[in-house]
């Protein structure tokens, strides 16, 4: 009964029919933003009123290079499961790792930072592309920005990205989606202005090699969000960067993260330098794709569509003649519960209603 109910709700996002359900067994559904099925409920769907075409790449997942590693891929189960799930996009090498990752050697820039695993046993780029071909999935890659900004060598980062793209072309790999950094707004390294200027350097370099590549810029789901660097307490930045530049052990990394947390002003909307507006103004003309991540609680579900449309609307107003893809390259519940699968179903519906083009669930072999 429960499985059928989940299928019913999922189908309600796309198909058209009217259904009445009456039950008292699903008390966990009584949460904000979820349909109450403890009493008779009528769902009416209109097959003649399409919201928008669903991009096949909406059905994607993250391919985590240190989890979906050589040992995990050896028995073929991951590829088999992804095939059966009809996954159409894989994101490499993952999220946070990307800003600590060098694609050519498939190693971390700093082994004392997340994910603390590096070497030949992890999945390199060629192995990732082989998995994409077996599954028939579109590849999407995330470029390292933070490593190079800390080293004060943005040109070096753009050069590394350019070599990656050149390598793809030399091997016949068709990789069109490229995210410039991961969750830059959450990290205290770059301000919105600094990130936007970096985007312009990377974009100029990559577009010279292949003008058709689709470049993504990242930001929070709220248009009122202010970057973490802009909210670091006055007088704390120099010490923070000293800690960041001298991470020689996991303990050093822990101290750095604790310092950042203790010296960041809340709420996240504090200040006038709104992240998305700054990016739209300074680098929007060089971007093709808006990247948003959302780890949500159930009470946020009613606002998802509106918030995503606000972000998209900001770019539409500033660039009325340009179309931007919307990519939710990470999303999940913040806490798992018996009703998480239903909450995720509703999240997917809200994302589609906001005309999200691409999405990636957090991981492929983590049991998610």
Foldseek 3Di string as FASTA:
>chain_A
DVVVVLVVLLVLLADFDKDWAEDQPPPVQPDPPGDDRPGIDIRGHDNVDDLDDAALQQQAAEAAFAVCWPVVPVVPPLLVVLLVSLHAEYEPNAAPQQQQAQQVQRAGVACLDPPNDGDDRTDHPVNVLVSCVSNVHAYAYEFHQQVCVLVVHLVVSLVSVLVVVVVCVVVVNDHQHYEYHHPQQADQRDFLLRSLVSLVSNLVSNCVVPVRHAYEYEDELAQLFGGQNVQFAPPCPVVLSVLVVDRRHNVSVVVSVVSSVVGGDDDRNPDDRGNLLSNLVRHVVSHAEYEYEEADELNCLVCRLVSNLVSLVSNCVSCVPGHHAYEHAEYAHPDDDPCRSVSVSSNSSSCVSSVHHHYHYRYSPPVD
